[in-house]
PDB file of N, CA and C in Angstrom:
ATOM      1  N   MET A   1      98.428 146.790  98.830  1.00  0.00           N
ATOM      2  CA  MET A   1      98.808 146.367  97.677  1.00  0.00           C
ATOM      3  C   MET A   1      99.020 146.424  96.268  1.00  0.00           C
ATOM      4  N   THR A   2      99.856 145.453  95.093  1.00  0.00           N
ATOM      5  CA  THR A   2     100.184 146.198  94.276  1.00  0.00           C
ATOM      6  C   THR A   2      99.164 146.807  93.128  1.00  0.00           C
ATOM      7  N   THR A   3      99.469 147.423  92.513  1.00  0.00           N
ATOM      8  CA  THR A   3      98.624 147.760  91.246  1.00  0.00           C
ATOM      9  C   THR A   3      99.101 147.000  90.247  1.00  0.00           C
ATOM     10  N   THR A   4      98.160 146.523  89.161  1.00  0.00           N
ATOM     11  CA  THR A   4      98.097 146.138  87.951  1.00  0.00           C
ATOM     12  C   THR A   4      99.461 146.298  86.804  1.00  0.00           C
ATOM     13  N   LYS A   5      99.695 147.670  86.874  1.00  0.00           N
ATOM     14  CA  LYS A   5     100.892 148.065  86.205  1.00  0.00           C
ATOM     15  C   LYS A   5     101.939 147.796  86.783  1.00  0.00           C
ATOM     16  N   GLU A   6     101.905 148.145  88.207  1.00  0.00           N
ATOM     17  CA  GLU A   6     103.040 147.582  89.129  1.00  0.00           C
ATOM     18  C   GLU A   6     103.421 146.111  88.802  1.00  0.00           C
ATOM     19  N   ILE A   7     102.811 145.577  88.647  1.00  0.00           N
ATOM     20  CA  ILE A   7     103.050 143.849  88.429  1.00  0.00           C
ATOM     21  C   ILE A   7     103.264 143.649  87.182  1.00  0.00           C
ATOM     22  N   ARG A   8     102.927 144.330  85.991  1.00  0.00           N
ATOM     23  CA  ARG A   8     103.284 144.289  84.542  1.00  0.00           C
ATOM     24  C   ARG A   8     104.808 144.655  84.383  1.00  0.00           C
ATOM     25  N   GLU A   9     105.232 145.365  85.164  1.00  0.00           N
ATOM     26  CA  GLU A   9     106.418 145.709  85.244  1.00  0.00           C
ATOM     27  C   GLU A   9     107.662 144.863  85.445  1.00  0.00           C
ATOM     28  N   LYS A  10     107.201 143.649  86.237  1.00  0.00           N
ATOM     29  CA  LYS A  10     107.850 142.999  87.076  1.00  0.00           C
ATOM     30  C   LYS A  10     108.415 141.955  86.158  1.00  0.00           C
ATOM     31  N   GLU A  11     109.585 141.389  86.364  1.00  0.00           N
ATOM     32  CA  GLU A  11     110.486 140.117  85.699  1.00  0.00           C
ATOM     33  C   GLU A  11     109.186 138.860  85.737  1.00  0.00           C
ATOM     34  N   THR A  12     108.774 137.795  84.920  1.00  0.00           N
ATOM     35  CA  THR A  12     108.176 137.152  85.145  1.00  0.00           C
ATOM     36  C   THR A  12     108.821 135.841  86.494  1.00  0.00           C
ATOM     37  N   GLY A  13     110.251 135.892  86.920  1.00  0.00           N
ATOM     38  CA  GLY A  13     110.302 134.928  87.922  1.00  0.00           C
ATOM     39  C   GLY A  13     109.937 135.741  89.111  1.00  0.00           C
ATOM     40  N   HIS A  14     110.288 137.071  89.294  1.00  0.00           N
ATOM     41  CA  HIS A  14     110.051 137.722  90.326  1.00  0.00           C
ATOM     42  C   HIS A  14     108.761 137.783  90.633  1.00  0.00           C
ATOM     43  N   LEU A  15     107.454 137.490  89.650  1.00  0.00           N
ATOM     44  CA  LEU A  15     106.335 137.744  89.682  1.00  0.00           C
ATOM     45  C   LEU A  15     106.126 136.293  90.721  1.00  0.00           C
ATOM     46  N   SER A  16     106.337 135.358  89.792  1.00  0.00           N
ATOM     47  CA  SER A  16     105.824 133.917  90.902  1.00  0.00           C
ATOM     48  C   SER A  16     106.490 133.813  91.936  1.00  0.00           C
ATOM     49  N   HIS A  17     107.969 134.468  92.256  1.00  0.00           N
ATOM     50  CA  HIS A  17     107.841 134.287  93.435  1.00  0.00           C
ATOM     51  C   HIS A  17     107.050 135.037  94.275  1.00  0.00           C
ATOM     52  N   GLU A  18     106.413 136.223  93.929  1.00  0.00           N
ATOM     53  CA  GLU A  18     105.868 137.055  94.881  1.00  0.00           C
ATOM     54  C   GLU A  18     104.240 136.140  94.641  1.00  0.00           C
ATOM     55  N   LEU A  19     104.110 135.536  93.631  1.00  0.00           N
ATOM     56  CA  LEU A  19     102.649 134.875  93.698  1.00  0.00           C
ATOM     57  C   LEU A  19     102.938 133.735  94.847  1.00  0.00           C
ATOM     58  N   VAL A  20     103.787 132.778  95.401  1.00  0.00           N
ATOM     59  CA  VAL A  20     103.478 132.292  96.381  1.00  0.00           C
ATOM     60  C   VAL A  20     103.661 132.409  97.512  1.00  0.00           C
ATOM     61  N   GLU A  21     104.637 133.856  97.612  1.00  0.00           N
ATOM     62  CA  GLU A  21     104.608 134.660  98.921  1.00  0.00           C
ATOM     63  C   GLU A  21     103.159 135.176  99.062  1.00  0.00           C
ATOM     64  N   ALA A  22     102.289 135.922  98.010  1.00  0.00           N
ATOM     65  CA  ALA A  22     100.807 136.233  98.544  1.00  0.00           C
ATOM     66  C   ALA A  22     100.093 134.922  98.823  1.00  0.00           C
ATOM     67  N   GLN A  23     100.240 133.198  98.263  1.00  0.00           N
ATOM     68  CA  GLN A  23      99.354 132.538  98.175  1.00  0.00           C
ATOM     69  C   GLN A  23      99.735 131.901  99.843  1.00  0.00           C
ATOM     70  N   LYS A  24     100.967 132.163 100.572  1.00  0.00           N
ATOM     71  CA  LYS A  24     101.358 131.747 101.725  1.00  0.00           C
ATOM     72  C   LYS A  24     100.485 132.849 102.759  1.00  0.00           C
ATOM     73  N   ARG A  25     100.727 133.990 102.170  1.00  0.00           N
ATOM     74  CA  ARG A  25     100.134 135.014 103.119  1.00  0.00           C
ATOM     75  C   ARG A  25      98.705 134.852 103.187  1.00  0.00           C
ATOM     76  N   LEU A  26      97.534 134.524 102.424  1.00  0.00           N
ATOM     77  CA  LEU A  26      96.221 134.340 102.037  1.00  0.00           C
ATOM     78  C   LEU A  26      96.199 133.209 103.132  1.00  0.00           C
ATOM     79  N   PHE A  27      97.352 132.059 103.147  1.00  0.00           N
ATOM     80  CA  PHE A  27      96.987 130.703 104.101  1.00  0.00           C
ATOM     81  C   PHE A  27      97.003 131.013 105.121  1.00  0.00           C
ATOM     82  N   GLU A  28      97.860 132.463 105.767  1.00  0.00           N
ATOM     83  CA  GLU A  28      98.134 132.879 107.092  1.00  0.00           C
ATOM     84  C   GLU A  28      97.364 133.852 107.368  1.00  0.00           C
ATOM     85  N   LEU A  29      96.317 134.451 106.436  1.00  0.00           N
ATOM     86  CA  LEU A  29      95.419 135.321 106.604  1.00  0.00           C
ATOM     87  C   LEU A  29      93.900 134.469 107.182  1.00  0.00           C
ATOM     88  N   ARG A  30      93.608 133.121 106.042  1.00  0.00           N
ATOM     89  CA  ARG A  30      92.897 132.280 106.738  1.00  0.00           C
ATOM     90  C   ARG A  30      92.567 131.873 107.936  1.00  0.00           C
ATOM     91  N   GLY A  31      93.988 131.416 108.617  1.00  0.00           N
ATOM     92  CA  GLY A  31      94.276 131.079 109.928  1.00  0.00           C
ATOM     93  C   GLY A  31      93.764 131.803 110.590  1.00  0.00           C
ATOM     94  N   GLN A  32      93.970 132.888 110.649  1.00  0.00           N
ATOM     95  CA  GLN A  32      93.992 133.908 111.424  1.00  0.00           C
ATOM     96  C   GLN A  32      92.280 134.398 111.786  1.00  0.00           C
ATOM     97  N   ALA A  33      91.721 134.265 110.482  1.00  0.00           N
ATOM     98  CA  ALA A  33      90.534 134.154 110.568  1.00  0.00           C
ATOM     99  C   ALA A  33      89.530 133.347 111.222  1.00  0.00           C
ATOM    100  N   VAL A  34      89.705 131.881 110.868  1.00  0.00           N
ATOM    101  CA  VAL A  34      89.366 131.096 111.893  1.00  0.00           C
ATOM    102  C   VAL A  34      89.570 131.038 113.124  1.00  0.00           C
ATOM    103  N   THR A  35      90.528 131.465 113.484  1.00  0.00           N
ATOM    104  CA  THR A  35      91.131 131.908 115.256  1.00  0.00           C
ATOM    105  C   THR A  35      90.919 133.273 115.494  1.00  0.00           C
ATOM    106  N   GLU A  36      89.941 133.819 114.647  1.00  0.00           N
ATOM    107  CA  GLU A  36      89.200 134.999 115.273  1.00  0.00           C
ATOM    108  C   GLU A  36      90.431 136.019 115.369  1.00  0.00           C
ATOM    109  N   LYS A  37      91.284 136.130 114.588  1.00  0.00           N
ATOM    110  CA  LYS A  37      92.623 137.060 115.230  1.00  0.00           C
ATOM    111  C   LYS A  37      92.961 138.323 114.389  1.00  0.00           C
ATOM    112  N   LEU A  38      92.269 137.916 113.151  1.00  0.00           N
ATOM    113  CA  LEU A  38      92.336 138.404 111.931  1.00  0.00           C
ATOM    114  C   LEU A  38      92.020 140.048 112.412  1.00  0.00           C
ATOM    115  N   GLU A  39      92.667 141.146 112.358  1.00  0.00           N
ATOM    116  CA  GLU A  39      92.421 142.059 112.492  1.00  0.00           C
ATOM    117  C   GLU A  39      91.939 143.410 111.584  1.00  0.00           C
ATOM    118  N   ASP A  40      92.043 142.638 110.072  1.00  0.00           N
ATOM    119  CA  ASP A  40      91.366 143.869 109.043  1.00  0.00           C
ATOM    120  C   ASP A  40      90.951 142.867 108.434  1.00  0.00           C
ATOM    121  N   PRO A  41      89.724 142.068 107.843  1.00  0.00           N
ATOM    122  CA  PRO A  41      88.880 141.482 107.296  1.00  0.00           C
ATOM    123  C   PRO A  41      89.067 141.505 105.864  1.00  0.00           C
ATOM    124  N   SER A  42      89.370 142.647 105.134  1.00  0.00           N
ATOM    125  CA  SER A  42      89.113 143.040 103.878  1.00  0.00           C
ATOM    126  C   SER A  42      90.550 142.608 103.444  1.00  0.00           C
ATOM    127  N   GLN A  43      91.770 142.587 104.099  1.00  0.00           N
ATOM    128  CA  GLN A  43      92.904 141.560 103.786  1.00  0.00           C
ATOM    129  C   GLN A  43      92.545 140.347 103.190  1.00  0.00           C
ATOM    130  N   LEU A  44      91.969 139.383 103.295  1.00  0.00           N
ATOM    131  CA  LEU A  44      91.650 138.605 102.693  1.00  0.00           C
ATOM    132  C   LEU A  44      91.216 138.638 101.173  1.00  0.00           C
ATOM    133  N   ARG A  45      90.371 139.882 100.713  1.00  0.00           N
ATOM    134  CA  ARG A  45      89.974 140.066  99.626  1.00  0.00           C
ATOM    135  C   ARG A  45      90.726 140.701  98.941  1.00  0.00           C
ATOM    136  N   LYS A  46      91.517 141.308  99.230  1.00  0.00           N
ATOM    137  CA  LYS A  46      92.828 142.241  98.788  1.00  0.00           C
ATOM    138  C   LYS A  46      93.743 141.069  98.087  1.00  0.00           C
ATOM    139  N   THR A  47      93.747 140.108  99.157  1.00  0.00           N
ATOM    140  CA  THR A  47      95.481 139.395  98.981  1.00  0.00           C
ATOM    141  C   THR A  47      94.765 138.269  97.364  1.00  0.00           C
ATOM    142  N   ARG A  48      93.533 138.022  97.748  1.00  0.00           N
ATOM    143  CA  ARG A  48      92.818 137.205  96.671  1.00  0.00           C
ATOM    144  C   ARG A  48      93.372 137.684  95.508  1.00  0.00           C
ATOM    145  N   ARG A  49      92.713 139.094  95.379  1.00  0.00           N
ATOM    146  CA  ARG A  49      92.481 139.823  94.211  1.00  0.00           C
ATOM    147  C   ARG A  49      93.598 139.910  93.669  1.00  0.00           C
ATOM    148  N   ALA A  50      94.666 139.940  94.478  1.00  0.00           N
ATOM    149  CA  ALA A  50      96.599 140.094  94.064  1.00  0.00           C
ATOM    150  C   ALA A  50      96.733 138.895  92.943  1.00  0.00           C
ATOM    151  N   ILE A  51      96.331 138.276  94.138  1.00  0.00           N
ATOM    152  CA  ILE A  51      96.794 136.542  93.469  1.00  0.00           C
ATOM    153  C   ILE A  51      96.213 136.679  92.126  1.00  0.00           C
ATOM    154  N   ALA A  52      95.002 136.840  92.181  1.00  0.00           N
ATOM    155  CA  ALA A  52      94.269 136.909  90.883  1.00  0.00           C
ATOM    156  C   ALA A  52      94.940 137.619  89.481  1.00  0.00           C
ATOM    157  N   ARG A  53      95.311 138.683  90.094  1.00  0.00           N
ATOM    158  CA  ARG A  53      96.296 139.747  88.802  1.00  0.00           C
ATOM    159  C   ARG A  53      97.178 139.149  88.522  1.00  0.00           C
ATOM    160  N   MET A  54      98.246 138.445  89.641  1.00  0.00           N
ATOM    161  CA  MET A  54      99.074 137.630  89.223  1.00  0.00           C
ATOM    162  C   MET A  54      99.345 136.672  88.403  1.00  0.00           C
ATOM    163  N   LYS A  55      97.921 135.752  88.641  1.00  0.00           N
ATOM    164  CA  LYS A  55      98.347 134.697  88.125  1.00  0.00           C
ATOM    165  C   LYS A  55      97.604 135.261  86.525  1.00  0.00           C
ATOM    166  N   THR A  56      96.576 135.663  86.699  1.00  0.00           N
ATOM    167  CA  THR A  56      96.286 136.280  84.974  1.00  0.00           C
ATOM    168  C   THR A  56      97.313 137.044  84.262  1.00  0.00           C
ATOM    169  N   ILE A  57      98.311 137.977  84.803  1.00  0.00           N
ATOM    170  CA  ILE A  57      98.949 138.264  83.905  1.00  0.00           C
ATOM    171  C   ILE A  57     100.369 137.188  83.610  1.00  0.00           C
ATOM    172  N   LEU A  58     100.649 135.860  84.392  1.00  0.00           N
ATOM    173  CA  LEU A  58     101.376 135.370  84.181  1.00  0.00           C
ATOM    174  C   LEU A  58     100.945 134.442  83.133  1.00  0.00           C
ATOM    175  N   ARG A  59      99.492 134.133  82.869  1.00  0.00           N
ATOM    176  CA  ARG A  59      98.875 133.242  82.000  1.00  0.00           C
ATOM    177  C   ARG A  59      99.195 133.898  80.363  1.00  0.00           C
ATOM    178  N   GLU A  60      98.942 135.724  80.914  1.00  0.00           N
ATOM    179  CA  GLU A  60      99.119 136.436  79.599  1.00  0.00           C
ATOM    180  C   GLU A  60     100.578 136.247  78.882  1.00  0.00           C
ATOM    181  N   ARG A  61     101.425 136.008  79.548  1.00  0.00           N
ATOM    182  CA  ARG A  61     102.841 135.793  79.384  1.00  0.00           C
ATOM    183  C   ARG A  61     102.992 134.805  78.392  1.00  0.00           C
ATOM    184  N   THR A  62     102.324 133.323  79.355  1.00  0.00           N
ATOM    185  CA  THR A  62     102.555 132.464  78.610  1.00  0.00           C
ATOM    186  C   THR A  62     101.791 132.278  77.636  1.00  0.00           C
ATOM    187  N   LEU A  63     100.784 132.444  77.308  1.00  0.00           N
ATOM    188  CA  LEU A  63      99.748 132.854  76.143  1.00  0.00           C
ATOM    189  C   LEU A  63     100.459 133.802  74.685  1.00  0.00           C
ATOM    190  N   GLU A  64     101.095 134.699  75.255  1.00  0.00           N
ATOM    191  CA  GLU A  64     101.958 135.604  74.520  1.00  0.00           C
ATOM    192  C   GLU A  64     102.943 134.661  73.571  1.00  0.00           C
ATOM    193  N   THR A  65     103.911 133.669  74.513  1.00  0.00           N
ATOM    194  CA  THR A  65     105.082 133.162  74.260  1.00  0.00           C
ATOM    195  C   THR A  65     104.671 131.865  73.521  1.00  0.00           C
ATOM    196  N   GLU A  66     103.447 131.135  73.666  1.00  0.00           N
ATOM    197  CA  GLU A  66     103.136 130.098  72.892  1.00  0.00           C
ATOM    198  C   GLU A  66     102.342 131.015  71.314  1.00  0.00           C
ATOM    199  N   ARG A  67     101.472 131.974  71.732  1.00  0.00           N
ATOM    200  CA  ARG A  67     101.251 132.435  70.141  1.00  0.00           C
ATOM    201  C   ARG A  67     102.936 132.853  69.073  1.00  0.00           C
ATOM    202  N   LYS A  68     103.561 133.278  69.810  1.00  0.00           N
ATOM    203  CA  LYS A  68     105.389 133.599  69.143  1.00  0.00           C
ATOM    204  C   LYS A  68     105.782 132.333  68.601  1.00  0.00           C
ATOM    205  N   ALA A  69     105.353 131.087  69.512  1.00  0.00           N
ATOM    206  CA  ALA A  69     105.856 130.343  68.670  1.00  0.00           C
ATOM    207  C   ALA A  69     105.402 129.799  67.794  1.00  0.00           C
ATOM    208  N   GLN A  70     104.213 129.734  68.136  1.00  0.00           N
ATOM    209  CA  GLN A  70     103.030 129.345  66.971  1.00  0.00           C
ATOM    210  C   GLN A  70     103.465 129.728  65.501  1.00  0.00           C
ATOM    211  N   ALA A  71     103.389 131.238  65.674  1.00  0.00           N
ATOM    212  CA  ALA A  71     103.535 132.173  64.550  1.00  0.00           C
ATOM    213  C   ALA A  71     104.875 131.828  63.809  1.00  0.00           C
ATOM    214  N   ASP A  72     106.311 131.933  64.814  1.00  0.00           N
ATOM    215  CA  ASP A  72     107.463 131.378  64.155  1.00  0.00           C
ATOM    216  C   ASP A  72     107.420 129.987  63.138  1.00  0.00           C
ATOM    217  N   ALA A  73     106.607 129.032  64.185  1.00  0.00           N
ATOM    218  CA  ALA A  73     106.346 127.636  63.492  1.00  0.00           C
ATOM    219  C   ALA A  73     105.737 127.938  61.773  1.00  0.00           C
ATOM    220  N   ASP A  74     104.472 128.567  61.984  1.00  0.00           N
ATOM    221  CA  ASP A  74     103.854 128.384  60.759  1.00  0.00           C
ATOM    222  C   ASP A  74     104.625 129.469  59.916  1.00  0.00           C
ATOM    223  N   ALA A  75     105.326 130.680  60.139  1.00  0.00           N
ATOM    224  CA  ALA A  75     106.017 130.828  58.914  1.00  0.00           C
ATOM    225  C   ALA A  75     107.413 130.309  58.397  1.00  0.00           C
ATOM    226  N   LYS A  76     107.924 129.314  59.186  1.00  0.00           N
ATOM    227  CA  LYS A  76     108.815 128.449  58.826  1.00  0.00           C
ATOM    228  C   LYS A  76     108.157 127.665  58.229  1.00  0.00           C
ATOM    229  N   ALA A  77     106.834 126.832  58.281  1.00  0.00           N
ATOM    230  CA  ALA A  77     106.301 125.917  57.611  1.00  0.00           C
ATOM    231  C   ALA A  77     105.835 126.799  56.184  1.00  0.00           C
ATOM    232  N   LYS A  78     105.568 127.719  56.376  1.00  0.00           N
ATOM    233  CA  LYS A  78     105.037 128.643  54.745  1.00  0.00           C
ATOM    234  C   LYS A  78     106.160 128.894  53.865  1.00  0.00           C
ATOM    235  N   ALA A  79     107.229 129.234  54.618  1.00  0.00           N
ATOM    236  CA  ALA A  79     108.575 129.140  53.718  1.00  0.00           C
ATOM    237  C   ALA A  79     108.897 127.938  52.974  1.00  0.00           C
ATOM    238  N   GLU A  80     108.996 126.730  54.012  1.00  0.00           N
ATOM    239  CA  GLU A  80     109.532 125.833  53.116  1.00  0.00           C
ATOM    240  C   GLU A  80     108.241 125.110  52.599  1.00  0.00           C
ATOM    241  N   ALA A  81     107.064 125.577  52.152  1.00  0.00           N
ATOM    242  CA  ALA A  81     106.312 125.085  51.391  1.00  0.00           C
ATOM    243  C   ALA A  81     106.892 125.702  49.989  1.00  0.00           C
ATOM    244  N   ALA A  82     106.815 127.202  50.421  1.00  0.00           N
ATOM    245  CA  ALA A  82     107.127 128.130  49.091  1.00  0.00           C
ATOM    246  C   ALA A  82     108.703 127.336  48.293  1.00  0.00           C
ATOM    247  N   ALA A  83     109.532 126.972  49.028  1.00  0.00           N
ATOM    248  CA  ALA A  83     110.790 126.493  48.295  1.00  0.00           C
ATOM    249  C   ALA A  83     110.218 125.031  47.996  1.00  0.00           C
ATOM    250  N   ALA A  84     109.762 124.429  48.406  1.00  0.00           N
ATOM    251  CA  ALA A  84     109.285 123.268  48.087  1.00  0.00           C
ATOM    252  C   ALA A  84     108.350 123.423  46.466  1.00  0.00           C
ATOM    253  N   ARG A  85     107.822 124.420  46.683  1.00  0.00           N
ATOM    254  CA  ARG A  85     106.946 124.608  45.753  1.00  0.00           C
ATOM    255  C   ARG A  85     107.614 125.279  44.342  1.00  0.00           C
ATOM    256  N   LYS A  86     108.604 126.419  44.764  1.00  0.00           N
ATOM    257  CA  LYS A  86     109.549 126.661  43.622  1.00  0.00           C
ATOM    258  C   LYS A  86     110.385 125.580  43.543  1.00  0.00           C
ATOM    259  N   SER A  87     110.596 124.711  44.047  1.00  0.00           N
ATOM    260  CA  SER A  87     111.928 123.511  43.589  1.00  0.00           C
ATOM    261  C   SER A  87     110.903 122.624  42.522  1.00  0.00           C
ATOM    262  N   ALA A  88     109.864 122.368  42.884  1.00  0.00           N
ATOM    263  CA  ALA A  88     108.878 121.691  41.978  1.00  0.00           C
ATOM    264  C   ALA A  88     108.425 122.162  40.598  1.00  0.00           C
ATOM    265  N   GLN A  89     108.537 123.813  40.641  1.00  0.00           N
ATOM    266  CA  GLN A  89     107.903 124.205  39.608  1.00  0.00           C
ATOM    267  C   GLN A  89     109.436 124.271  38.502  1.00  0.00           C
ATOM    268  N   GLU A  90     110.440 124.440  38.910  1.00  0.00           N
ATOM    269  CA  GLU A  90     111.746 124.424  38.461  1.00  0.00           C
ATOM    270  C   GLU A  90     112.357 123.165  37.952  1.00  0.00           C
ATOM    271  N   ALA A  91     111.582 122.119  38.523  1.00  0.00           N
ATOM    272  CA  ALA A  91     112.001 120.497  38.003  1.00  0.00           C
ATOM    273  C   ALA A  91     111.257 120.328  36.763  1.00  0.00           C
ATOM    274  N   LEU A  92     109.890 120.733  36.663  1.00  0.00           N
ATOM    275  CA  LEU A  92     108.957 121.215  35.882  1.00  0.00           C
ATOM    276  C   LEU A  92     109.519 121.289  34.462  1.00  0.00           C
ATOM    277  N   LYS A  93     110.027 122.786  34.721  1.00  0.00           N
ATOM    278  CA  LYS A  93     110.502 123.513  33.547  1.00  0.00           C
ATOM    279  C   LYS A  93     111.499 123.032  32.877  1.00  0.00           C
ATOM    280  N   ALA A  94     112.918 122.134  33.808  1.00  0.00           N
ATOM    281  CA  ALA A  94     113.927 121.255  33.265  1.00  0.00           C
ATOM    282  C   ALA A  94     113.277 120.424  32.278  1.00  0.00           C
ATOM    283  N   ALA A  95     112.441 119.688  32.951  1.00  0.00           N
ATOM    284  CA  ALA A  95     111.854 118.303  32.205  1.00  0.00           C
ATOM    285  C   ALA A  95     111.254 118.949  31.022  1.00  0.00           C
ATOM    286  N   LYS A  96     110.123 119.822  31.033  1.00  0.00           N
ATOM    287  CA  LYS A  96     109.953 120.651  29.610  1.00  0.00           C
ATOM    288  C   LYS A  96     111.006 120.951  29.225  1.00  0.00           C
ATOM    289  N   ALA A  97     111.941 121.515  29.489  1.00  0.00           N
ATOM    290  CA  ALA A  97     113.215 121.993  28.484  1.00  0.00           C
ATOM    291  C   ALA A  97     113.938 120.201  27.957  1.00  0.00           C
ATOM    292  N   GLU A  98     114.078 119.603  28.506  1.00  0.00           N
ATOM    293  CA  GLU A  98     114.633 118.346  28.266  1.00  0.00           C
ATOM    294  C   GLU A  98     113.599 117.533  27.133  1.00  0.00           C
ATOM    295  N   LYS A  99     112.519 117.614  27.087  1.00  0.00           N
ATOM    296  CA  LYS A  99     111.739 117.062  26.550  1.00  0.00           C
ATOM    297  C   LYS A  99     111.727 117.758  24.890  1.00  0.00           C
ATOM    298  N   LYS A 100     111.870 118.635  24.999  1.00  0.00           N
ATOM    299  CA  LYS A 100     111.946 119.810  23.738  1.00  0.00           C
ATOM    300  C   LYS A 100     113.113 119.330  23.422  1.00  0.00           C
ATOM    301  N   LYS A 101     114.171 119.652  24.171  1.00  0.00           N
ATOM    302  CA  LYS A 101     115.620 119.006  23.816  1.00  0.00           C
ATOM    303  C   LYS A 101     115.392 117.579  22.890  1.00  0.00           C
ATOM    304  N   SER A 102     115.331 116.617  23.106  1.00  0.00           N
ATOM    305  CA  SER A 102     114.815 115.323  23.092  1.00  0.00           C
ATOM    306  C   SER A 102     114.078 115.201  21.772  1.00  0.00           C
ATOM    307  N   LYS A 103     113.352 115.980  21.353  1.00  0.00           N
ATOM    308  CA  LYS A 103     112.157 115.962  20.199  1.00  0.00           C
ATOM    309  C   LYS A 103     112.784 117.118  18.974  1.00  0.00           C
ATOM    310  N   LYS A 104     113.815 117.725  18.938  1.00  0.00           N
ATOM    311  CA  LYS A 104     114.462 118.360  17.877  1.00  0.00           C
ATOM    312  C   LYS A 104     115.296 117.478  17.107  1.00  0.00           C
ATOM    313  N   PRO A 105     116.169 116.878  17.707  1.00  0.00           N
ATOM    314  CA  PRO A 105     117.099 115.574  16.687  1.00  0.00           C
ATOM    315  C   PRO A 105     115.983 114.760  15.842  1.00  0.00           C
ATOM    316  N   ALA A 106     115.344 114.388  16.804  1.00  0.00           N
ATOM    317  CA  ALA A 106     114.678 113.316  15.925  1.00  0.00           C
ATOM    318  C   ALA A 106     113.666 114.383  14.874  1.00  0.00           C
ATOM    319  N   ALA A 107     113.292 115.293  14.915  1.00  0.00           N
ATOM    320  CA  ALA A 107     112.598 116.003  13.862  1.00  0.00           C
ATOM    321  C   ALA A 107     113.594 116.514  12.671  1.00  0.00           C
ATOM    322  N   ALA A 108     114.948 116.400  12.883  1.00  0.00           N
ATOM    323  CA  ALA A 108     115.989 116.858  12.193  1.00  0.00           C
ATOM    324  C   ALA A 108     116.405 115.589  11.238  1.00  0.00           C
ATOM    325  N   ALA A 109     116.213 114.688  11.886  1.00  0.00           N
ATOM    326  CA  ALA A 109     116.670 113.171  10.922  1.00  0.00           C
ATOM    327  C   ALA A 109     115.560 112.698  10.111  1.00  0.00           C
ATOM    328  N   LYS A 110     114.050 113.224  10.290  1.00  0.00           N
ATOM    329  CA  LYS A 110     113.185 112.952   9.684  1.00  0.00           C
ATOM    330  C   LYS A 110     114.172 113.533   7.608  1.00  0.00           C
TER     331      LYS A 110
END
């Protein structure tokens, strides 16, 4: 069987294919166990554990992809919020400046 390090080095597509093959192998081993033609009973346990390792690593990769997507979405939302805040502050400053301009001519007329 393969080690965890070897499994991690494989591409996701290749690993998915190997997972399907291991599941087929486990099915065959179970059939042999029922008909008492299984030569090495430890193969059942080894195959189950290999399947579990592959599934674990695939799930880790899925979660990592989701985390990255969420982090990107959070960063984008944060940047948009900062831009909106800056725009609102600039609009407020412009409104204050406009208000000061409109008061000056009225004061000069008196």
